[in-house]
Amino acid sequence: MSSKQWCAGMVLALVGATSADAASYLVLGRTGSDAQTLQKQIEAVPGGALQRALSGLLTFAVQSDDAAYPARLRALPGVQYVAPDRSFTLGEPRQVPLAGDAAEAAAQMRRALAGGAPRALSGAVDQGLLAGNALYQMQWAVQDVQAPGAWNRGYSGAGVRVAILDSGIDCGNAWLAPNIDFAAAASLVPGEGVCVRPGFYFNHGTHVAGIVAALPSSFGSVGIAPGATLIPVKVLSEYTGSGAFSWVLGGVVYAADEGADVINMSLGAYPMSTSDPNTQAYLLAFGRAADYARARGAAVIVAAGNDAAQLGAGGDVGVPANAPGMITVSASGPAGWATGNPAYAWLDYLADYTDYGPPIANAGPGGTFWYAYVNPSQACSIAGITRSCYVFDLVISTIPGGWSWAAGTSMATPAAAAVAALAIQRGRVSTGANLSPQGLANFRKTQVDFVRKTLQTGSDDRGPRGRDPYFGDGRVNADNASNVFYHAPRVSPAPTPLTPPYAL
């Protein structure tokens, strides 16, 4: 059975099995070690079992209920680190569903699909479909990154594969399903398939996927790159929100091997002290994962985190946010834009919750709660839908059975991933790489560098002038990323505000 048949849309099997109370570890080989030799040595160590071999990362996941087992592993000459296989635990973003309950959601869905389900794009984005779309009118984030400018040039992300490493996806969602590569979809979460359970509830992976590539229609949110192909890779449990580091590392390897061009990881762990050797092991492992993906043409774009913390301050870092090779994204957004008050029209305040610091490469529209601190009960209406004004400062996207607003660097990251997809499509078209398999293969050799350069030079400078620890090289801009004639950085003539005046 081929590896594709083995894993397509299914749970990727573990190599071995041990008792339920066994401890899990990551074993990292020294750079330059032979992976096959090291694996044989690990398998020969008594007291444990190999669970997953990530040979391309010189990293192996093992389990053992023997407390002396890690020391025996560390004694192997090719081993650099043995660290606990920790888990990411998804902190669900604060969310506000569009519908009040399942019955209302079902009624919204029936109305939305009355004219037929959204269709996969066969060409340019038909913006006429969006003219009367109530949810599109609420999508300040799409306007903020100037996605319609890219659409006007004929770019939609078509042909670009975006892997969503997350908590699965609503496989039956009419706005997402036509863009999903079901043959490549996979789960690394034991006992769970990539498709999440039916119902009306918030699912993180489905919300993230919609920000990237939800299809345009007369009702419903639309993705920034609605022509991109989605590769859902479940690395977090849809029930607990948790996922082992080894699952996520395996997800990066799997997505890169499946031909992903962009890998979105709206997840992370913080704080982790750099004085702890285990932290160094995790940073090395995820740095190797980024290198592995880069060698195969896949840019890994990760969330900065939602702790309002300075990454690196006091020796505390985020994983994978601080890992080398990652494109780390902070969050920005408006603060009362739905009030119609011109004083609140700015869309790029630094989000009140976002992590920041030297690792930040770019910012993306993730939404803010600034206005909730000022007047949480004030009501605003857009397209006949009334909510507290601050709700409209969040990001609306798909969930199982409907739509929901949410905010976080989890929402900012897929916006950046979508802009990267538009940039890749533009790069392939403008160089003619899309005209032949060999052309695409040649372009992929430098594709990650192309993405980094485009996000560096094509983003809108925000915060202090030039690169800064809050917005990095700027808030991503789809219009610039899709413009072959745009090469110069947009440096603000003066600093732009980090926070709204009433937050100072």
Foldseek 3Di string as FASTA:
>chain_A
DDPLVQFQQEANFWPDDDDPPWFKKKWAFDPPDQLVVLVVVLCPQPFKAWTDRPSLLSMTMITGNDPCRLVVSVPDPGTDDIATQDKFFDDFFDWFFLDPFLVRLLVVVCVQQVVHFFDADPWAAPCVQAPQAQVQLLAVQLVVLPLVLLSVVTAQLAPAEEEEAFAAEQCPPSQAVNQEPSSLAGENDPPDGRHDDFGDDFFLSHQLRQQQAGGRHNYFRGHSRNNYHYHYYYQAHRVRRMGTLVSVLVVLLSCLVVQHQEYEAATKDDWDAPVDVNVVVQLSSVLSSLVNSLQSNYAYEYELWFAQEEACPPRTHMVPLPRPNHAYEFEAAWAQCLVVPPLGVDTGAGANGTYWYDSHAFYGHFFHQNNCVVCQPDWGDTSRRIDRRRQSRFHWGDGRSHIMGGGDSSNRRSNLVNLLSSLLVLVCVVVVLVVDPVSVSVCSNCSNVSSSQQQQAQAADAAAWAADGRGGSHYNHSSSSNDPPRRGHHTDPGHHHNHRPVVD
